[in-house]
Amino acid sequence: MKRAAVFVIAGPVGVAAYGLARLWGRSDGVYGPGFDWQVAHLLGLAGMVCFVPAVLALARLLPSSPWRTGVVAVTLVGLAATMVQFGADIVEGLMAADRPEMSALAADFKDVPGVEAVVYDVVPPLFFLGLLGLAGMLAARRRLPWWSVGLLLVGIVLPTATLDLLPVGGLCMLVALAPVLPALRQRVRASDATTVGP
């Protein structure tokens, strides 16, 4: 499978894996700091990193336009804030000796002016809104079926009710984006066919 398609798969899989690792970590009633906390958040961070090339690959299936540029920019800004959030959680987990100390470190970080809005409350949701916008644009050009937009919305909304639904949300995102994989592979093959070389 070509690299772009792998990233489109890996992003949602990272979300689902983060959710599963989180459930595993919470199963003994003690979640963070520790090995389970780090594993979960590293998986989540890896998923977000994979979404960067995935978003760019999805955007390349659309014609160039100010709308496409704007939606991609919004999506990547939201992704950047989400990655900072995961990074902060990882660092706080490494620095803290126990859960209360980790919570205190997180509170100190949020007390920095602008951090709570930019890293936690306002900017990260832009990633999901942008991804949904990209899916809608792809559906309008018949690169994705319209049910993909609805399923992607379900995958985004479910974890807002409870983070325990993250694995289901990640799976919904994966199934929603799966129909675009053949188009990504065809685009790569077409590029290969037009490459001039010995």
C-alpha atoms as a PDB file:
ATOM      1  CA  MET A   1       0.000   0.000   0.000  1.00  0.00           C
ATOM      2  CA  LYS A   2       1.316   3.437  -0.893  1.00  0.00           C
ATOM      3  CA  ARG A   3       2.545   5.769   1.838  1.00  0.00           C
ATOM      4  CA  ALA A   4      -0.314   8.289   1.660  1.00  0.00           C
ATOM      5  CA  ALA A   5      -2.881   5.527   2.157  1.00  0.00           C
ATOM      6  CA  VAL A   6      -0.887   4.167   5.095  1.00  0.00           C
ATOM      7  CA  PHE A   7      -1.040   7.538   6.861  1.00  0.00           C
ATOM      8  CA  VAL A   8      -4.786   7.830   6.279  1.00  0.00           C
ATOM      9  CA  ILE A   9      -5.158   4.453   8.003  1.00  0.00           C
ATOM     10  CA  ALA A  10      -2.584   5.099  10.721  1.00  0.00           C
ATOM     11  CA  GLY A  11      -4.179   8.322  11.994  1.00  0.00           C
ATOM     12  CA  PRO A  12      -7.522   6.776  13.035  1.00  0.00           C
ATOM     13  CA  VAL A  13      -5.746   3.606  14.207  1.00  0.00           C
ATOM     14  CA  GLY A  14      -3.632   5.789  16.507  1.00  0.00           C
ATOM     15  CA  VAL A  15      -6.814   7.305  17.969  1.00  0.00           C
ATOM     16  CA  ALA A  16      -8.310   3.857  18.554  1.00  0.00           C
ATOM     17  CA  ALA A  17      -5.045   2.522  20.015  1.00  0.00           C
ATOM     18  CA  TYR A  18      -4.834   5.488  22.372  1.00  0.00           C
ATOM     19  CA  GLY A  19      -8.365   4.755  23.539  1.00  0.00           C
ATOM     20  CA  LEU A  20      -7.643   1.061  24.087  1.00  0.00           C
ATOM     21  CA  ALA A  21      -4.402   1.773  25.964  1.00  0.00           C
ATOM     22  CA  ARG A  22      -6.249   4.317  28.088  1.00  0.00           C
ATOM     23  CA  LEU A  23      -8.917   1.745  28.991  1.00  0.00           C
ATOM     24  CA  TRP A  24      -6.170  -0.741  29.857  1.00  0.00           C
ATOM     25  CA  GLY A  25      -4.455   1.838  32.051  1.00  0.00           C
ATOM     26  CA  ARG A  26      -7.683   2.680  33.864  1.00  0.00           C
ATOM     27  CA  SER A  27      -8.616  -0.959  34.438  1.00  0.00           C
ATOM     28  CA  ASP A  28      -6.698  -1.128  37.737  1.00  0.00           C
ATOM     29  CA  GLY A  29      -8.080   2.181  38.977  1.00  0.00           C
ATOM     30  CA  VAL A  30      -4.693   3.921  38.788  1.00  0.00           C
ATOM     31  CA  TYR A  31      -4.021   5.775  35.551  1.00  0.00           C
ATOM     32  CA  GLY A  32      -1.060   8.127  35.401  1.00  0.00           C
ATOM     33  CA  PRO A  33       1.701   8.730  35.831  1.00  0.00           C
ATOM     34  CA  GLY A  34       3.437   5.540  34.788  1.00  0.00           C
ATOM     35  CA  PHE A  35       4.001   3.141  31.934  1.00  0.00           C
ATOM     36  CA  ASP A  36       0.336   2.857  30.921  1.00  0.00           C
ATOM     37  CA  TRP A  37      -0.042   6.640  30.795  1.00  0.00           C
ATOM     38  CA  GLN A  38       3.039   7.038  28.599  1.00  0.00           C
ATOM     39  CA  VAL A  39       2.065   4.214  26.232  1.00  0.00           C
ATOM     40  CA  ALA A  40      -1.432   5.617  25.749  1.00  0.00           C
ATOM     41  CA  HIS A  41      -0.253   9.154  25.117  1.00  0.00           C
ATOM     42  CA  LEU A  42       2.594   8.128  22.824  1.00  0.00           C
ATOM     43  CA  LEU A  43       0.099   6.157  20.737  1.00  0.00           C
ATOM     44  CA  GLY A  44      -2.208   9.154  20.635  1.00  0.00           C
ATOM     45  CA  LEU A  45       0.630  11.469  19.661  1.00  0.00           C
ATOM     46  CA  ALA A  46       1.731   9.064  16.927  1.00  0.00           C
ATOM     47  CA  GLY A  47      -1.802   9.059  15.543  1.00  0.00           C
ATOM     48  CA  MET A  48      -1.880  12.868  15.449  1.00  0.00           C
ATOM     49  CA  VAL A  49       1.510  12.982  13.709  1.00  0.00           C
ATOM     50  CA  CYS A  50       0.235  10.543  11.074  1.00  0.00           C
ATOM     51  CA  PHE A  51      -2.785  12.754  10.481  1.00  0.00           C
ATOM     52  CA  VAL A  52      -0.517  15.546   9.173  1.00  0.00           C
ATOM     53  CA  PRO A  53       0.515  13.740   5.939  1.00  0.00           C
ATOM     54  CA  ALA A  54      -2.943  12.149   5.831  1.00  0.00           C
ATOM     55  CA  VAL A  55      -4.636  15.560   5.724  1.00  0.00           C
ATOM     56  CA  LEU A  56      -2.221  16.763   3.047  1.00  0.00           C
ATOM     57  CA  ALA A  57      -2.865  13.613   0.993  1.00  0.00           C
ATOM     58  CA  LEU A  58      -6.631  14.063   1.240  1.00  0.00           C
ATOM     59  CA  ALA A  59      -6.295  17.699   0.224  1.00  0.00           C
ATOM     60  CA  ARG A  60      -4.336  16.748  -2.900  1.00  0.00           C
ATOM     61  CA  LEU A  61      -7.409  14.870  -4.137  1.00  0.00           C
ATOM     62  CA  LEU A  62      -9.189  18.238  -4.368  1.00  0.00           C
ATOM     63  CA  PRO A  63      -8.552  21.002  -6.900  1.00  0.00           C
ATOM     64  CA  SER A  64      -6.513  23.910  -5.638  1.00  0.00           C
ATOM     65  CA  SER A  65      -8.697  26.691  -4.238  1.00  0.00           C
ATOM     66  CA  PRO A  66      -8.761  29.208  -1.375  1.00  0.00           C
ATOM     67  CA  TRP A  67     -11.347  27.008   0.349  1.00  0.00           C
ATOM     68  CA  ARG A  68      -9.067  23.987   0.246  1.00  0.00           C
ATOM     69  CA  THR A  69      -6.125  26.028   1.504  1.00  0.00           C
ATOM     70  CA  GLY A  70      -8.186  27.497   4.335  1.00  0.00           C
ATOM     71  CA  VAL A  71      -9.614  24.167   5.477  1.00  0.00           C
ATOM     72  CA  VAL A  72      -6.183  22.514   5.411  1.00  0.00           C
ATOM     73  CA  ALA A  73      -4.664  25.404   7.377  1.00  0.00           C
ATOM     74  CA  VAL A  74      -7.404  25.228  10.020  1.00  0.00           C
ATOM     75  CA  THR A  75      -7.003  21.446  10.271  1.00  0.00           C
ATOM     76  CA  LEU A  76      -3.224  21.612  10.687  1.00  0.00           C
ATOM     77  CA  VAL A  77      -3.436  24.382  13.296  1.00  0.00           C
ATOM     78  CA  GLY A  78      -5.848  22.226  15.299  1.00  0.00           C
ATOM     79  CA  LEU A  79      -3.529  19.241  14.883  1.00  0.00           C
ATOM     80  CA  ALA A  80      -0.538  21.245  16.117  1.00  0.00           C
ATOM     81  CA  ALA A  81      -2.404  22.276  19.268  1.00  0.00           C
ATOM     82  CA  THR A  82      -3.505  18.684  19.865  1.00  0.00           C
ATOM     83  CA  MET A  83       0.083  17.451  19.526  1.00  0.00           C
ATOM     84  CA  VAL A  84       1.260  20.058  22.037  1.00  0.00           C
ATOM     85  CA  GLN A  85      -1.430  18.823  24.412  1.00  0.00           C
ATOM     86  CA  PHE A  86      -0.265  15.222  24.086  1.00  0.00           C
ATOM     87  CA  GLY A  87       3.353  16.330  24.480  1.00  0.00           C
ATOM     88  CA  ALA A  88       2.529  18.243  27.650  1.00  0.00           C
ATOM     89  CA  ASP A  89       0.737  15.201  29.086  1.00  0.00           C
ATOM     90  CA  ILE A  90       3.762  13.035  28.340  1.00  0.00           C
ATOM     91  CA  VAL A  91       6.221  15.479  29.932  1.00  0.00           C
ATOM     92  CA  GLU A  92       4.016  15.959  32.997  1.00  0.00           C
ATOM     93  CA  GLY A  93       3.756  12.181  33.351  1.00  0.00           C
ATOM     94  CA  LEU A  94       7.542  11.886  33.260  1.00  0.00           C
ATOM     95  CA  MET A  95       8.082  14.665  35.806  1.00  0.00           C
ATOM     96  CA  ALA A  96       5.419  13.682  38.333  1.00  0.00           C
ATOM     97  CA  ALA A  97       5.784  11.104  41.077  1.00  0.00           C
ATOM     98  CA  ASP A  98       2.040  10.586  41.509  1.00  0.00           C
ATOM     99  CA  ARG A  99      -1.355  11.646  40.190  1.00  0.00           C
ATOM    100  CA  PRO A 100      -1.752  14.748  42.409  1.00  0.00           C
ATOM    101  CA  GLU A 101       1.669  16.047  41.360  1.00  0.00           C
ATOM    102  CA  MET A 102       0.837  15.423  37.705  1.00  0.00           C
ATOM    103  CA  SER A 103      -2.434  17.319  38.108  1.00  0.00           C
ATOM    104  CA  ALA A 104      -0.564  20.192  39.743  1.00  0.00           C
ATOM    105  CA  LEU A 105       1.918  20.331  36.867  1.00  0.00           C
ATOM    106  CA  ALA A 106      -0.959  20.353  34.372  1.00  0.00           C
ATOM    107  CA  ALA A 107      -2.633  23.183  36.288  1.00  0.00           C
ATOM    108  CA  ASP A 108       0.603  25.183  36.273  1.00  0.00           C
ATOM    109  CA  PHE A 109       0.882  24.722  32.511  1.00  0.00           C
ATOM    110  CA  LYS A 110      -2.725  25.823  31.976  1.00  0.00           C
ATOM    111  CA  ASP A 111      -2.109  28.909  34.129  1.00  0.00           C
ATOM    112  CA  VAL A 112       0.315  30.223  31.507  1.00  0.00           C
ATOM    113  CA  PRO A 113      -1.649  32.980  29.703  1.00  0.00           C
ATOM    114  CA  GLY A 114      -3.319  31.671  26.563  1.00  0.00           C
ATOM    115  CA  VAL A 115      -2.342  28.036  27.047  1.00  0.00           C
ATOM    116  CA  GLU A 116      -5.738  26.759  28.187  1.00  0.00           C
ATOM    117  CA  ALA A 117      -7.532  28.306  25.206  1.00  0.00           C
ATOM    118  CA  VAL A 118      -4.900  27.493  22.575  1.00  0.00           C
ATOM    119  CA  VAL A 119      -3.813  24.025  23.697  1.00  0.00           C
ATOM    120  CA  TYR A 120      -6.958  22.653  25.329  1.00  0.00           C
ATOM    121  CA  ASP A 121     -10.254  24.421  24.723  1.00  0.00           C
ATOM    122  CA  VAL A 122     -10.487  26.423  21.492  1.00  0.00           C
ATOM    123  CA  VAL A 123      -7.853  25.375  18.949  1.00  0.00           C
ATOM    124  CA  PRO A 124      -7.730  21.516  19.114  1.00  0.00           C
ATOM    125  CA  PRO A 125     -11.371  21.128  17.953  1.00  0.00           C
ATOM    126  CA  LEU A 126     -10.349  22.911  14.739  1.00  0.00           C
ATOM    127  CA  PHE A 127      -8.606  19.681  13.701  1.00  0.00           C
ATOM    128  CA  PHE A 128     -11.856  17.739  13.811  1.00  0.00           C
ATOM    129  CA  LEU A 129     -13.870  20.532  12.192  1.00  0.00           C
ATOM    130  CA  GLY A 130     -11.284  20.813   9.428  1.00  0.00           C
ATOM    131  CA  LEU A 131     -11.195  17.065   8.869  1.00  0.00           C
ATOM    132  CA  LEU A 132     -14.973  17.036   8.632  1.00  0.00           C
ATOM    133  CA  GLY A 133     -14.797  19.928   6.157  1.00  0.00           C
ATOM    134  CA  LEU A 134     -12.290  18.043   4.013  1.00  0.00           C
ATOM    135  CA  ALA A 135     -14.533  14.983   4.050  1.00  0.00           C
ATOM    136  CA  GLY A 136     -17.479  17.115   2.945  1.00  0.00           C
ATOM    137  CA  MET A 137     -15.458  18.607   0.078  1.00  0.00           C
ATOM    138  CA  LEU A 138     -14.320  15.125  -0.976  1.00  0.00           C
ATOM    139  CA  ALA A 139     -17.896  13.862  -0.849  1.00  0.00           C
ATOM    140  CA  ALA A 140     -19.040  16.786  -2.999  1.00  0.00           C
ATOM    141  CA  ARG A 141     -16.548  15.671  -5.651  1.00  0.00           C
ATOM    142  CA  ARG A 142     -17.548  12.006  -5.206  1.00  0.00           C
ATOM    143  CA  ARG A 143     -14.203  11.001  -3.776  1.00  0.00           C
ATOM    144  CA  LEU A 144     -16.044   9.892  -0.648  1.00  0.00           C
ATOM    145  CA  PRO A 145     -19.660   8.724  -0.222  1.00  0.00           C
ATOM    146  CA  TRP A 146     -21.876  11.029   1.818  1.00  0.00           C
ATOM    147  CA  TRP A 147     -22.289   8.388   4.517  1.00  0.00           C
ATOM    148  CA  SER A 148     -18.571   8.817   5.221  1.00  0.00           C
ATOM    149  CA  VAL A 149     -19.204  12.393   6.364  1.00  0.00           C
ATOM    150  CA  GLY A 150     -21.927  11.225   8.753  1.00  0.00           C
ATOM    151  CA  LEU A 151     -19.841   8.370  10.106  1.00  0.00           C
ATOM    152  CA  LEU A 152     -16.844  10.664  10.556  1.00  0.00           C
ATOM    153  CA  LEU A 153     -19.061  13.042  12.520  1.00  0.00           C
ATOM    154  CA  VAL A 154     -20.177  10.142  14.730  1.00  0.00           C
ATOM    155  CA  GLY A 155     -16.537   9.179  15.311  1.00  0.00           C
ATOM    156  CA  ILE A 156     -15.703  12.738  16.312  1.00  0.00           C
ATOM    157  CA  VAL A 157     -18.725  13.297  18.559  1.00  0.00           C
ATOM    158  CA  LEU A 158     -18.780   9.977  20.445  1.00  0.00           C
ATOM    159  CA  PRO A 159     -15.593  10.607  22.504  1.00  0.00           C
ATOM    160  CA  THR A 160     -16.944  13.998  23.605  1.00  0.00           C
ATOM    161  CA  ALA A 161     -19.569  12.096  25.596  1.00  0.00           C
ATOM    162  CA  THR A 162     -16.917   9.933  27.265  1.00  0.00           C
ATOM    163  CA  LEU A 163     -13.291   9.261  26.375  1.00  0.00           C
ATOM    164  CA  ASP A 164     -14.016   5.570  26.940  1.00  0.00           C
ATOM    165  CA  LEU A 165     -15.565   5.637  23.454  1.00  0.00           C
ATOM    166  CA  LEU A 166     -12.291   6.668  21.803  1.00  0.00           C
ATOM    167  CA  PRO A 167     -11.704   3.169  20.337  1.00  0.00           C
ATOM    168  CA  VAL A 168     -15.151   3.256  18.713  1.00  0.00           C
ATOM    169  CA  GLY A 169     -14.532   6.810  17.526  1.00  0.00           C
ATOM    170  CA  GLY A 170     -11.227   5.839  15.940  1.00  0.00           C
ATOM    171  CA  LEU A 171     -12.840   2.860  14.215  1.00  0.00           C
ATOM    172  CA  CYS A 172     -15.623   5.076  12.850  1.00  0.00           C
ATOM    173  CA  MET A 173     -13.024   7.501  11.486  1.00  0.00           C
ATOM    174  CA  LEU A 174     -11.133   4.649   9.848  1.00  0.00           C
ATOM    175  CA  VAL A 175     -14.226   3.211   8.154  1.00  0.00           C
ATOM    176  CA  ALA A 176     -15.340   6.692   7.091  1.00  0.00           C
ATOM    177  CA  LEU A 177     -12.032   7.467   5.371  1.00  0.00           C
ATOM    178  CA  ALA A 178     -11.448   3.984   3.919  1.00  0.00           C
ATOM    179  CA  PRO A 179     -13.357   4.637   0.651  1.00  0.00           C
ATOM    180  CA  VAL A 180     -10.761   7.243  -0.349  1.00  0.00           C
ATOM    181  CA  LEU A 181      -7.874   4.752  -0.286  1.00  0.00           C
ATOM    182  CA  PRO A 182      -8.314   3.543  -3.907  1.00  0.00           C
ATOM    183  CA  ALA A 183      -8.266   7.152  -5.113  1.00  0.00           C
ATOM    184  CA  LEU A 184      -5.011   7.761  -3.249  1.00  0.00           C
ATOM    185  CA  ARG A 185      -3.412   4.679  -4.817  1.00  0.00           C
ATOM    186  CA  GLN A 186      -4.654   5.633  -8.307  1.00  0.00           C
ATOM    187  CA  ARG A 187      -3.225   9.117  -7.925  1.00  0.00           C
ATOM    188  CA  VAL A 188       0.177   7.697  -7.015  1.00  0.00           C
ATOM    189  CA  ARG A 189       0.115   5.297  -9.969  1.00  0.00           C
ATOM    190  CA  ALA A 190      -0.798   8.144 -12.311  1.00  0.00           C
ATOM    191  CA  SER A 191       2.134  10.170 -10.968  1.00  0.00           C
ATOM    192  CA  ASP A 192       4.465   7.210 -11.444  1.00  0.00           C
ATOM    193  CA  ALA A 193       3.277   6.784 -15.026  1.00  0.00           C
ATOM    194  CA  THR A 194       4.133  10.388 -15.905  1.00  0.00           C
ATOM    195  CA  THR A 195       7.558  10.333 -14.262  1.00  0.00           C
ATOM    196  CA  VAL A 196      10.357  10.626 -16.821  1.00  0.00           C
ATOM    197  CA  GLY A 197      13.552   8.782 -16.038  1.00  0.00           C
ATOM    198  CA  PRO A 198      15.964   6.118 -17.198  1.00  0.00           C
END
